[in-house]
Amino acid sequence: MDENFQRFLDPKILNKITRLDLKARHLVEGFVAGMHKSPYHGFSVEFAEHREYAPGDDIKHLDWKVFGRTDRLYIKEYELDTNLRSHILIDTSESMEYKSADLSKLELASFIAASMAYVILRQQDSVGIVCFDKEVKQFVPASSSLGHLRTILGTLNQNQPKSTTDIGLVCHTLAERFRQKGLVIVISDLFDEPERILSALQHFRHKRHDVIVFHVLDEYELTFPFQRMTLFEGLEEYPKLLVDPRALRQAYLEEAERFCGEIQRGCAKMMIDYVRLSTDQDLGVELTRYLAQRLAVRMK
């Protein structure tokens, strides 16, 4: 088995989540027989658009005429082929590197991204991945080819968190770039101002995308269990700080809960799914619970 498959795809998690599908909650573009609602009715299978070739795509859909003119490889997509188009946005900024135990936030985010990509491709929909910090670092176009999973896992394996984050700017940029309505999955510790985050998410909803936010946090960020004088090392250009954590604990926990609550309420107002996950939780159980709840809501 490929090393990246072993690293990012846990068989125990897959055994749980493969019993469920990731349905589109809102109206999306594309033709999907029976699974997703579509705004198209009574049309024949017609050419939809070009997109850049990605490793794993079926070469029978290459447009050789365009290649002859531009010397670049493009895939011809048709309405029947597009299905639900998903984009997974994964935060690779420096703060995502933090870990209090064996699992960092970035590793948790990568496991979520890999698992969601697997579910989407398994149901024959298309998915791409975007890695970002203060700007887009890697952009892998969406594809429905099963071989595309190898490309996504390889991209996840290359992530090296180094820079600050700017979720607001990145999401606004991508909202303009994603022309076809579909599903946008944001996986981040949301290390940004709440109003900037919510404004950017609103931009996706304004473009009529279905949106899911996975808010990934370290166990210690939620519990703040420190007891002795501690030197906290700042991430994303914040300075070091020596403090007595016992004097700050209550205020910190209240502020953390206020922040998460503000994001959650803002998402609810925009009909965006908000899922908070921490590094000490069983990812298979939590993803299964979320997908089951999402399916139940959609079927009402």
C-alpha atoms as a PDB file:
ATOM      1  CA  MET A   1       0.000   0.000   0.000  1.00  0.00           C
ATOM      2  CA  ASP A   2       1.194   3.543  -0.786  1.00  0.00           C
ATOM      3  CA  GLU A   3       2.938   5.243   2.155  1.00  0.00           C
ATOM      4  CA  ASN A   4       0.606   8.261   1.985  1.00  0.00           C
ATOM      5  CA  PHE A   5      -2.458   5.998   2.122  1.00  0.00           C
ATOM      6  CA  GLN A   6      -1.115   4.421   5.298  1.00  0.00           C
ATOM      7  CA  ARG A   7      -0.324   7.803   6.817  1.00  0.00           C
ATOM      8  CA  PHE A   8      -3.564   9.664   6.130  1.00  0.00           C
ATOM      9  CA  LEU A   9      -6.277   7.022   5.739  1.00  0.00           C
ATOM     10  CA  ASP A  10      -7.026   4.971   8.837  1.00  0.00           C
ATOM     11  CA  PRO A  11      -8.927   1.751   7.924  1.00  0.00           C
ATOM     12  CA  LYS A  12     -10.887   2.003  11.177  1.00  0.00           C
ATOM     13  CA  ILE A  13     -12.132   5.462  10.216  1.00  0.00           C
ATOM     14  CA  LEU A  14     -12.931   4.423   6.650  1.00  0.00           C
ATOM     15  CA  ASN A  15     -14.912   1.409   7.863  1.00  0.00           C
ATOM     16  CA  LYS A  16     -17.170   3.802   9.773  1.00  0.00           C
ATOM     17  CA  ILE A  17     -17.633   6.624   7.291  1.00  0.00           C
ATOM     18  CA  THR A  18     -17.924   4.589   4.070  1.00  0.00           C
ATOM     19  CA  ARG A  19     -21.400   3.546   5.141  1.00  0.00           C
ATOM     20  CA  LEU A  20     -22.484   7.152   4.671  1.00  0.00           C
ATOM     21  CA  ASP A  21     -22.531   9.566   1.746  1.00  0.00           C
ATOM     22  CA  LEU A  22     -21.776  13.287   1.770  1.00  0.00           C
ATOM     23  CA  LYS A  23     -24.960  14.755   0.343  1.00  0.00           C
ATOM     24  CA  ALA A  24     -25.342  18.282  -0.964  1.00  0.00           C
ATOM     25  CA  ARG A  25     -27.527  20.286   1.403  1.00  0.00           C
ATOM     26  CA  HIS A  26     -28.126  23.206  -0.923  1.00  0.00           C
ATOM     27  CA  LEU A  27     -28.766  23.443  -4.663  1.00  0.00           C
ATOM     28  CA  VAL A  28     -25.586  22.806  -6.655  1.00  0.00           C
ATOM     29  CA  GLU A  29     -24.730  22.848 -10.320  1.00  0.00           C
ATOM     30  CA  GLY A  30     -24.169  19.637 -12.193  1.00  0.00           C
ATOM     31  CA  PHE A  31     -26.151  16.538 -13.097  1.00  0.00           C
ATOM     32  CA  VAL A  32     -26.356  13.813 -10.509  1.00  0.00           C
ATOM     33  CA  ALA A  33     -28.820  10.981 -10.884  1.00  0.00           C
ATOM     34  CA  GLY A  34     -30.691  10.530  -7.637  1.00  0.00           C
ATOM     35  CA  MET A  35     -28.075  11.662  -5.125  1.00  0.00           C
ATOM     36  CA  HIS A  36     -27.895  15.448  -5.409  1.00  0.00           C
ATOM     37  CA  LYS A  37     -30.507  17.983  -6.441  1.00  0.00           C
ATOM     38  CA  SER A  38     -29.734  19.743  -9.704  1.00  0.00           C
ATOM     39  CA  PRO A  39     -30.964  23.021 -11.227  1.00  0.00           C
ATOM     40  CA  TYR A  40     -30.847  21.403 -14.690  1.00  0.00           C
ATOM     41  CA  HIS A  41     -33.858  19.569 -16.075  1.00  0.00           C
ATOM     42  CA  GLY A  42     -34.373  17.820 -19.375  1.00  0.00           C
ATOM     43  CA  PHE A  43     -31.012  18.587 -20.932  1.00  0.00           C
ATOM     44  CA  SER A  44     -28.755  16.356 -22.973  1.00  0.00           C
ATOM     45  CA  VAL A  45     -25.139  15.626 -22.029  1.00  0.00           C
ATOM     46  CA  GLU A  46     -23.350  18.779 -23.204  1.00  0.00           C
ATOM     47  CA  PHE A  47     -19.905  20.282 -22.914  1.00  0.00           C
ATOM     48  CA  ALA A  48     -19.598  22.371 -19.733  1.00  0.00           C
ATOM     49  CA  GLU A  49     -16.061  23.765 -19.441  1.00  0.00           C
ATOM     50  CA  HIS A  50     -12.333  23.169 -19.585  1.00  0.00           C
ATOM     51  CA  ARG A  51     -10.110  22.711 -16.566  1.00  0.00           C
ATOM     52  CA  GLU A  52      -6.405  22.005 -16.222  1.00  0.00           C
ATOM     53  CA  TYR A  53      -5.341  18.372 -16.308  1.00  0.00           C
ATOM     54  CA  ALA A  54      -4.466  16.824 -12.943  1.00  0.00           C
ATOM     55  CA  PRO A  55      -2.582  13.548 -12.428  1.00  0.00           C
ATOM     56  CA  GLY A  56      -5.101  10.710 -12.271  1.00  0.00           C
ATOM     57  CA  ASP A  57      -7.555  12.238 -14.775  1.00  0.00           C
ATOM     58  CA  ASP A  58      -8.805  10.056 -17.590  1.00  0.00           C
ATOM     59  CA  ILE A  59      -6.751  11.066 -20.640  1.00  0.00           C
ATOM     60  CA  LYS A  60      -9.622  10.235 -22.994  1.00  0.00           C
ATOM     61  CA  HIS A  61     -11.123  13.599 -22.023  1.00  0.00           C
ATOM     62  CA  LEU A  62      -8.016  15.604 -22.962  1.00  0.00           C
ATOM     63  CA  ASP A  63      -8.680  18.358 -25.491  1.00  0.00           C
ATOM     64  CA  TRP A  64      -5.879  17.851 -28.002  1.00  0.00           C
ATOM     65  CA  LYS A  65      -6.920  20.866 -30.070  1.00  0.00           C
ATOM     66  CA  VAL A  66      -6.347  23.153 -27.101  1.00  0.00           C
ATOM     67  CA  PHE A  67      -3.047  21.366 -26.424  1.00  0.00           C
ATOM     68  CA  GLY A  68      -1.956  22.044 -29.999  1.00  0.00           C
ATOM     69  CA  ARG A  69      -2.664  25.753 -29.599  1.00  0.00           C
ATOM     70  CA  THR A  70      -1.370  26.307 -26.066  1.00  0.00           C
ATOM     71  CA  ASP A  71       0.969  23.368 -25.359  1.00  0.00           C
ATOM     72  CA  ARG A  72      -0.957  22.871 -22.097  1.00  0.00           C
ATOM     73  CA  LEU A  73      -3.170  19.966 -21.068  1.00  0.00           C
ATOM     74  CA  TYR A  74      -6.853  20.635 -20.415  1.00  0.00           C
ATOM     75  CA  ILE A  75      -9.715  18.278 -19.642  1.00  0.00           C
ATOM     76  CA  LYS A  76     -13.108  18.667 -21.300  1.00  0.00           C
ATOM     77  CA  GLU A  77     -15.881  18.391 -18.752  1.00  0.00           C
ATOM     78  CA  TYR A  78     -19.507  17.696 -19.467  1.00  0.00           C
ATOM     79  CA  GLU A  79     -22.581  18.328 -17.371  1.00  0.00           C
ATOM     80  CA  LEU A  80     -22.908  14.590 -16.724  1.00  0.00           C
ATOM     81  CA  ASP A  81     -19.312  14.404 -15.491  1.00  0.00           C
ATOM     82  CA  THR A  82     -19.310  17.316 -13.060  1.00  0.00           C
ATOM     83  CA  ASN A  83     -21.683  15.932 -10.385  1.00  0.00           C
ATOM     84  CA  LEU A  84     -21.096  17.561  -7.022  1.00  0.00           C
ATOM     85  CA  ARG A  85     -17.873  19.545  -7.188  1.00  0.00           C
ATOM     86  CA  SER A  86     -16.106  19.916  -3.855  1.00  0.00           C
ATOM     87  CA  HIS A  87     -13.092  21.915  -2.759  1.00  0.00           C
ATOM     88  CA  ILE A  88     -11.279  21.146   0.486  1.00  0.00           C
ATOM     89  CA  LEU A  89      -9.421  24.138   1.948  1.00  0.00           C
ATOM     90  CA  ILE A  90      -6.797  23.154   4.510  1.00  0.00           C
ATOM     91  CA  ASP A  91      -4.977  25.656   6.702  1.00  0.00           C
ATOM     92  CA  THR A  92      -1.216  25.030   6.690  1.00  0.00           C
ATOM     93  CA  SER A  93      -0.132  28.076   8.695  1.00  0.00           C
ATOM     94  CA  GLU A  94       2.359  27.914  11.565  1.00  0.00           C
ATOM     95  CA  SER A  95      -0.253  27.698  14.332  1.00  0.00           C
ATOM     96  CA  MET A  96      -1.528  24.423  12.866  1.00  0.00           C
ATOM     97  CA  GLU A  97       1.799  22.807  13.816  1.00  0.00           C
ATOM     98  CA  TYR A  98       1.028  23.009  17.548  1.00  0.00           C
ATOM     99  CA  LYS A  99       0.545  19.770  19.448  1.00  0.00           C
ATOM    100  CA  SER A 100       0.366  18.932  23.138  1.00  0.00           C
ATOM    101  CA  ALA A 101       0.605  15.183  22.530  1.00  0.00           C
ATOM    102  CA  ASP A 102       1.317  12.955  19.540  1.00  0.00           C
ATOM    103  CA  LEU A 103      -1.103  14.561  17.065  1.00  0.00           C
ATOM    104  CA  SER A 104      -0.753  18.107  15.731  1.00  0.00           C
ATOM    105  CA  LYS A 105      -3.655  20.185  14.487  1.00  0.00           C
ATOM    106  CA  LEU A 106      -2.288  19.971  10.952  1.00  0.00           C
ATOM    107  CA  GLU A 107      -2.149  16.176  11.151  1.00  0.00           C
ATOM    108  CA  LEU A 108      -5.751  16.078  12.380  1.00  0.00           C
ATOM    109  CA  ALA A 109      -6.764  18.440   9.574  1.00  0.00           C
ATOM    110  CA  SER A 110      -4.970  16.233   7.039  1.00  0.00           C
ATOM    111  CA  PHE A 111      -6.781  13.118   8.302  1.00  0.00           C
ATOM    112  CA  ILE A 112     -10.106  14.953   7.950  1.00  0.00           C
ATOM    113  CA  ALA A 113      -9.237  16.159   4.444  1.00  0.00           C
ATOM    114  CA  ALA A 114      -8.138  12.695   3.323  1.00  0.00           C
ATOM    115  CA  SER A 115     -11.232  11.015   4.774  1.00  0.00           C
ATOM    116  CA  MET A 116     -13.640  13.530   3.227  1.00  0.00           C
ATOM    117  CA  ALA A 117     -11.884  13.272  -0.144  1.00  0.00           C
ATOM    118  CA  TYR A 118     -12.203   9.496   0.027  1.00  0.00           C
ATOM    119  CA  VAL A 119     -15.941   9.697   0.729  1.00  0.00           C
ATOM    120  CA  ILE A 120     -16.508  12.190  -2.086  1.00  0.00           C
ATOM    121  CA  LEU A 121     -14.541  10.210  -4.679  1.00  0.00           C
ATOM    122  CA  ARG A 122     -16.140   6.955  -3.578  1.00  0.00           C
ATOM    123  CA  GLN A 123     -19.561   8.358  -4.468  1.00  0.00           C
ATOM    124  CA  GLN A 124     -18.187   9.375  -7.879  1.00  0.00           C
ATOM    125  CA  ASP A 125     -18.193  13.107  -7.240  1.00  0.00           C
ATOM    126  CA  SER A 126     -15.264  15.420  -7.862  1.00  0.00           C
ATOM    127  CA  VAL A 127     -12.978  16.982  -5.284  1.00  0.00           C
ATOM    128  CA  GLY A 128      -9.962  19.257  -5.270  1.00  0.00           C
ATOM    129  CA  ILE A 129      -7.741  20.558  -2.492  1.00  0.00           C
ATOM    130  CA  VAL A 130      -6.304  23.950  -1.613  1.00  0.00           C
ATOM    131  CA  CYS A 131      -3.502  24.415   0.927  1.00  0.00           C
ATOM    132  CA  PHE A 132      -3.176  27.941   2.307  1.00  0.00           C
ATOM    133  CA  ASP A 133      -1.712  30.166   4.981  1.00  0.00           C
ATOM    134  CA  LYS A 134      -1.694  33.918   4.235  1.00  0.00           C
ATOM    135  CA  GLU A 135      -2.072  32.986   0.566  1.00  0.00           C
ATOM    136  CA  VAL A 136      -2.854  29.965  -1.569  1.00  0.00           C
ATOM    137  CA  LYS A 137       0.181  27.675  -1.464  1.00  0.00           C
ATOM    138  CA  GLN A 138      -1.082  24.699  -3.485  1.00  0.00           C
ATOM    139  CA  PHE A 139      -4.152  24.349  -5.677  1.00  0.00           C
ATOM    140  CA  VAL A 140      -5.179  20.917  -6.964  1.00  0.00           C
ATOM    141  CA  PRO A 141      -8.187  21.157  -9.338  1.00  0.00           C
ATOM    142  CA  ALA A 142     -11.230  18.992  -8.680  1.00  0.00           C
ATOM    143  CA  SER A 143     -11.486  15.584 -10.355  1.00  0.00           C
ATOM    144  CA  SER A 144     -13.742  12.565  -9.906  1.00  0.00           C
ATOM    145  CA  SER A 145     -11.101  10.006 -10.893  1.00  0.00           C
ATOM    146  CA  LEU A 146     -10.326   7.506  -8.137  1.00  0.00           C
ATOM    147  CA  GLY A 147      -6.658   7.911  -8.995  1.00  0.00           C
ATOM    148  CA  HIS A 148      -7.013  11.553  -7.968  1.00  0.00           C
ATOM    149  CA  LEU A 149      -6.915  10.476  -4.317  1.00  0.00           C
ATOM    150  CA  ARG A 150      -3.219   9.669  -4.692  1.00  0.00           C
ATOM    151  CA  THR A 151      -2.589  13.239  -5.882  1.00  0.00           C
ATOM    152  CA  ILE A 152      -4.499  14.697  -2.931  1.00  0.00           C
ATOM    153  CA  LEU A 153      -2.639  12.552  -0.400  1.00  0.00           C
ATOM    154  CA  GLY A 154       0.671  13.463  -1.995  1.00  0.00           C
ATOM    155  CA  THR A 155      -0.237  17.145  -1.659  1.00  0.00           C
ATOM    156  CA  LEU A 156      -1.101  16.694   2.019  1.00  0.00           C
ATOM    157  CA  ASN A 157       2.240  14.997   2.567  1.00  0.00           C
ATOM    158  CA  GLN A 158       4.120  18.052   1.275  1.00  0.00           C
ATOM    159  CA  ASN A 159       2.620  20.526   3.765  1.00  0.00           C
ATOM    160  CA  GLN A 160       5.173  22.341   5.931  1.00  0.00           C
ATOM    161  CA  PRO A 161       3.578  25.008   8.166  1.00  0.00           C
ATOM    162  CA  LYS A 162       5.778  28.096   8.310  1.00  0.00           C
ATOM    163  CA  SER A 163       3.848  31.306   7.754  1.00  0.00           C
ATOM    164  CA  THR A 164       1.071  33.408   9.266  1.00  0.00           C
ATOM    165  CA  THR A 165      -2.520  32.934   8.202  1.00  0.00           C
ATOM    166  CA  ASP A 166      -5.060  35.183   6.487  1.00  0.00           C
ATOM    167  CA  ILE A 167      -8.228  33.123   6.168  1.00  0.00           C
ATOM    168  CA  GLY A 168     -10.306  36.137   5.233  1.00  0.00           C
ATOM    169  CA  LEU A 169      -8.205  37.152   2.236  1.00  0.00           C
ATOM    170  CA  VAL A 170      -7.717  33.581   0.995  1.00  0.00           C
ATOM    171  CA  CYS A 171     -11.410  32.671   1.175  1.00  0.00           C
ATOM    172  CA  HIS A 172     -12.486  35.891  -0.543  1.00  0.00           C
ATOM    173  CA  THR A 173     -10.014  35.136  -3.343  1.00  0.00           C
ATOM    174  CA  LEU A 174     -11.214  31.542  -3.731  1.00  0.00           C
ATOM    175  CA  ALA A 175     -14.877  32.532  -3.637  1.00  0.00           C
ATOM    176  CA  GLU A 176     -14.256  34.484  -6.833  1.00  0.00           C
ATOM    177  CA  ARG A 177     -12.201  31.668  -8.332  1.00  0.00           C
ATOM    178  CA  PHE A 178     -14.758  28.877  -7.764  1.00  0.00           C
ATOM    179  CA  ARG A 179     -17.197  29.620 -10.573  1.00  0.00           C
ATOM    180  CA  GLN A 180     -19.354  26.522 -10.387  1.00  0.00           C
ATOM    181  CA  LYS A 181     -21.559  26.212  -7.318  1.00  0.00           C
ATOM    182  CA  GLY A 182     -20.616  23.246  -5.170  1.00  0.00           C
ATOM    183  CA  LEU A 183     -19.337  22.212  -1.749  1.00  0.00           C
ATOM    184  CA  VAL A 184     -16.559  24.068   0.075  1.00  0.00           C
ATOM    185  CA  ILE A 185     -14.970  22.372   3.107  1.00  0.00           C
ATOM    186  CA  VAL A 186     -12.778  24.621   5.279  1.00  0.00           C
ATOM    187  CA  ILE A 187     -10.443  22.895   7.762  1.00  0.00           C
ATOM    188  CA  SER A 188      -8.602  25.290  10.070  1.00  0.00           C
ATOM    189  CA  ASP A 189      -7.933  26.384  13.645  1.00  0.00           C
ATOM    190  CA  LEU A 190      -9.501  29.691  12.512  1.00  0.00           C
ATOM    191  CA  PHE A 191      -6.591  31.731  13.847  1.00  0.00           C
ATOM    192  CA  ASP A 192      -8.038  35.027  12.620  1.00  0.00           C
ATOM    193  CA  GLU A 193     -10.536  37.690  13.654  1.00  0.00           C
ATOM    194  CA  PRO A 194     -14.127  36.308  13.796  1.00  0.00           C
ATOM    195  CA  GLU A 195     -15.578  39.104  11.673  1.00  0.00           C
ATOM    196  CA  ARG A 196     -13.010  38.460   8.924  1.00  0.00           C
ATOM    197  CA  ILE A 197     -13.687  34.729   8.979  1.00  0.00           C
ATOM    198  CA  LEU A 198     -17.471  35.118   8.873  1.00  0.00           C
ATOM    199  CA  SER A 199     -17.300  37.742   6.131  1.00  0.00           C
ATOM    200  CA  ALA A 200     -15.233  35.379   3.983  1.00  0.00           C
ATOM    201  CA  LEU A 201     -17.595  32.459   4.616  1.00  0.00           C
ATOM    202  CA  GLN A 202     -20.514  34.715   3.703  1.00  0.00           C
ATOM    203  CA  HIS A 203     -18.792  35.310   0.365  1.00  0.00           C
ATOM    204  CA  PHE A 204     -18.974  31.567  -0.373  1.00  0.00           C
ATOM    205  CA  ARG A 205     -22.648  31.484   0.577  1.00  0.00           C
ATOM    206  CA  HIS A 206     -23.306  34.566  -1.568  1.00  0.00           C
ATOM    207  CA  LYS A 207     -21.893  32.552  -4.457  1.00  0.00           C
ATOM    208  CA  ARG A 208     -24.371  29.807  -3.465  1.00  0.00           C
ATOM    209  CA  HIS A 209     -21.811  27.272  -2.321  1.00  0.00           C
ATOM    210  CA  ASP A 210     -22.651  24.714   0.333  1.00  0.00           C
ATOM    211  CA  VAL A 211     -20.086  25.200   3.138  1.00  0.00           C
ATOM    212  CA  ILE A 212     -18.743  23.017   5.950  1.00  0.00           C
ATOM    213  CA  VAL A 213     -16.283  24.347   8.548  1.00  0.00           C
ATOM    214  CA  PHE A 214     -14.155  21.904  10.532  1.00  0.00           C
ATOM    215  CA  HIS A 215     -12.696  23.881  13.431  1.00  0.00           C
ATOM    216  CA  VAL A 216      -9.664  21.886  14.583  1.00  0.00           C
ATOM    217  CA  LEU A 217      -8.146  22.585  17.978  1.00  0.00           C
ATOM    218  CA  ASP A 218      -5.616  20.980  20.269  1.00  0.00           C
ATOM    219  CA  GLU A 219      -6.898  19.431  23.481  1.00  0.00           C
ATOM    220  CA  TYR A 220      -4.834  21.868  25.570  1.00  0.00           C
ATOM    221  CA  GLU A 221      -6.272  24.856  23.702  1.00  0.00           C
ATOM    222  CA  LEU A 222      -9.705  23.835  24.966  1.00  0.00           C
ATOM    223  CA  THR A 223      -8.793  22.757  28.508  1.00  0.00           C
ATOM    224  CA  PHE A 224      -5.733  24.933  29.365  1.00  0.00           C
ATOM    225  CA  PRO A 225      -4.455  22.412  31.954  1.00  0.00           C
ATOM    226  CA  PHE A 226      -1.181  24.215  32.753  1.00  0.00           C
ATOM    227  CA  GLN A 227      -0.414  24.607  36.478  1.00  0.00           C
ATOM    228  CA  ARG A 228       3.120  25.960  36.875  1.00  0.00           C
ATOM    229  CA  MET A 229       4.831  29.086  35.591  1.00  0.00           C
ATOM    230  CA  THR A 230       5.006  28.494  31.862  1.00  0.00           C
ATOM    231  CA  LEU A 231       6.856  30.118  28.981  1.00  0.00           C
ATOM    232  CA  PHE A 232       4.435  30.153  26.045  1.00  0.00           C
ATOM    233  CA  GLU A 233       6.087  30.369  22.624  1.00  0.00           C
ATOM    234  CA  GLY A 234       4.133  32.566  20.262  1.00  0.00           C
ATOM    235  CA  LEU A 235       3.127  31.251  16.841  1.00  0.00           C
ATOM    236  CA  GLU A 236       2.554  33.292  13.692  1.00  0.00           C
ATOM    237  CA  GLU A 237       4.835  36.137  14.816  1.00  0.00           C
ATOM    238  CA  TYR A 238       3.461  36.435  18.364  1.00  0.00           C
ATOM    239  CA  PRO A 239       6.161  36.904  21.066  1.00  0.00           C
ATOM    240  CA  LYS A 240       7.072  34.544  23.881  1.00  0.00           C
ATOM    241  CA  LEU A 241       5.231  35.130  27.143  1.00  0.00           C
ATOM    242  CA  LEU A 242       6.063  33.941  30.681  1.00  0.00           C
ATOM    243  CA  VAL A 243       2.904  33.731  32.813  1.00  0.00           C
ATOM    244  CA  ASP A 244       1.263  32.015  35.757  1.00  0.00           C
ATOM    245  CA  PRO A 245      -1.431  29.993  33.934  1.00  0.00           C
ATOM    246  CA  ARG A 246      -3.534  29.541  37.070  1.00  0.00           C
ATOM    247  CA  ALA A 247      -4.185  33.286  37.155  1.00  0.00           C
ATOM    248  CA  LEU A 248      -5.280  33.292  33.508  1.00  0.00           C
ATOM    249  CA  ARG A 249      -7.126  30.013  33.205  1.00  0.00           C
ATOM    250  CA  GLN A 250     -10.691  31.171  33.838  1.00  0.00           C
ATOM    251  CA  ALA A 251     -10.385  34.252  31.619  1.00  0.00           C
ATOM    252  CA  TYR A 252      -8.723  32.203  28.890  1.00  0.00           C
ATOM    253  CA  LEU A 253     -11.426  29.516  28.902  1.00  0.00           C
ATOM    254  CA  GLU A 254     -14.168  32.140  28.773  1.00  0.00           C
ATOM    255  CA  GLU A 255     -12.498  33.896  25.855  1.00  0.00           C
ATOM    256  CA  ALA A 256     -11.940  30.623  23.973  1.00  0.00           C
ATOM    257  CA  GLU A 257     -15.585  29.655  24.434  1.00  0.00           C
ATOM    258  CA  ARG A 258     -16.719  33.136  23.377  1.00  0.00           C
ATOM    259  CA  PHE A 259     -14.635  32.906  20.213  1.00  0.00           C
ATOM    260  CA  CYS A 260     -15.911  29.438  19.263  1.00  0.00           C
ATOM    261  CA  GLY A 261     -19.473  30.442  20.077  1.00  0.00           C
ATOM    262  CA  GLU A 262     -19.273  33.548  17.891  1.00  0.00           C
ATOM    263  CA  ILE A 263     -18.047  31.505  14.936  1.00  0.00           C
ATOM    264  CA  GLN A 264     -20.653  28.786  15.508  1.00  0.00           C
ATOM    265  CA  ARG A 265     -23.552  31.276  15.748  1.00  0.00           C
ATOM    266  CA  GLY A 266     -22.344  33.113  12.650  1.00  0.00           C
ATOM    267  CA  CYS A 267     -22.182  29.861  10.701  1.00  0.00           C
ATOM    268  CA  ALA A 268     -25.667  28.866  11.862  1.00  0.00           C
ATOM    269  CA  LYS A 269     -27.118  32.162  10.598  1.00  0.00           C
ATOM    270  CA  MET A 270     -25.620  31.479   7.172  1.00  0.00           C
ATOM    271  CA  MET A 271     -26.718  27.806   7.119  1.00  0.00           C
ATOM    272  CA  ILE A 272     -23.094  26.672   7.273  1.00  0.00           C
ATOM    273  CA  ASP A 273     -22.210  23.457   9.082  1.00  0.00           C
ATOM    274  CA  TYR A 274     -19.788  24.098  11.953  1.00  0.00           C
ATOM    275  CA  VAL A 275     -17.963  21.074  13.385  1.00  0.00           C
ATOM    276  CA  ARG A 276     -15.464  21.509  16.223  1.00  0.00           C
ATOM    277  CA  LEU A 277     -12.917  18.721  16.557  1.00  0.00           C
ATOM    278  CA  SER A 278      -9.996  18.371  18.944  1.00  0.00           C
ATOM    279  CA  THR A 279      -6.895  16.233  18.799  1.00  0.00           C
ATOM    280  CA  ASP A 280      -8.024  13.991  21.669  1.00  0.00           C
ATOM    281  CA  GLN A 281     -11.282  12.884  20.021  1.00  0.00           C
ATOM    282  CA  ASP A 282     -11.910   9.703  18.037  1.00  0.00           C
ATOM    283  CA  LEU A 283     -12.033  11.046  14.491  1.00  0.00           C
ATOM    284  CA  GLY A 284     -13.879   8.030  13.090  1.00  0.00           C
ATOM    285  CA  VAL A 285     -16.669   8.380  15.641  1.00  0.00           C
ATOM    286  CA  GLU A 286     -16.958  12.159  15.216  1.00  0.00           C
ATOM    287  CA  LEU A 287     -16.987  12.091  11.400  1.00  0.00           C
ATOM    288  CA  THR A 288     -19.557   9.294  11.388  1.00  0.00           C
ATOM    289  CA  ARG A 289     -21.757  11.245  13.798  1.00  0.00           C
ATOM    290  CA  TYR A 290     -21.509  14.399  11.691  1.00  0.00           C
ATOM    291  CA  LEU A 291     -22.227  12.705   8.348  1.00  0.00           C
ATOM    292  CA  ALA A 292     -25.196  10.859   9.845  1.00  0.00           C
ATOM    293  CA  GLN A 293     -26.605  14.093  11.279  1.00  0.00           C
ATOM    294  CA  ARG A 294     -26.112  15.912   7.982  1.00  0.00           C
ATOM    295  CA  LEU A 295     -27.879  13.133   6.108  1.00  0.00           C
ATOM    296  CA  ALA A 296     -30.759  13.129   8.597  1.00  0.00           C
ATOM    297  CA  VAL A 297     -31.246  16.901   8.257  1.00  0.00           C
ATOM    298  CA  ARG A 298     -31.227  16.691   4.458  1.00  0.00           C
ATOM    299  CA  MET A 299     -33.816  13.925   4.386  1.00  0.00           C
ATOM    300  CA  LYS A 300     -36.333  15.833   6.540  1.00  0.00           C
END
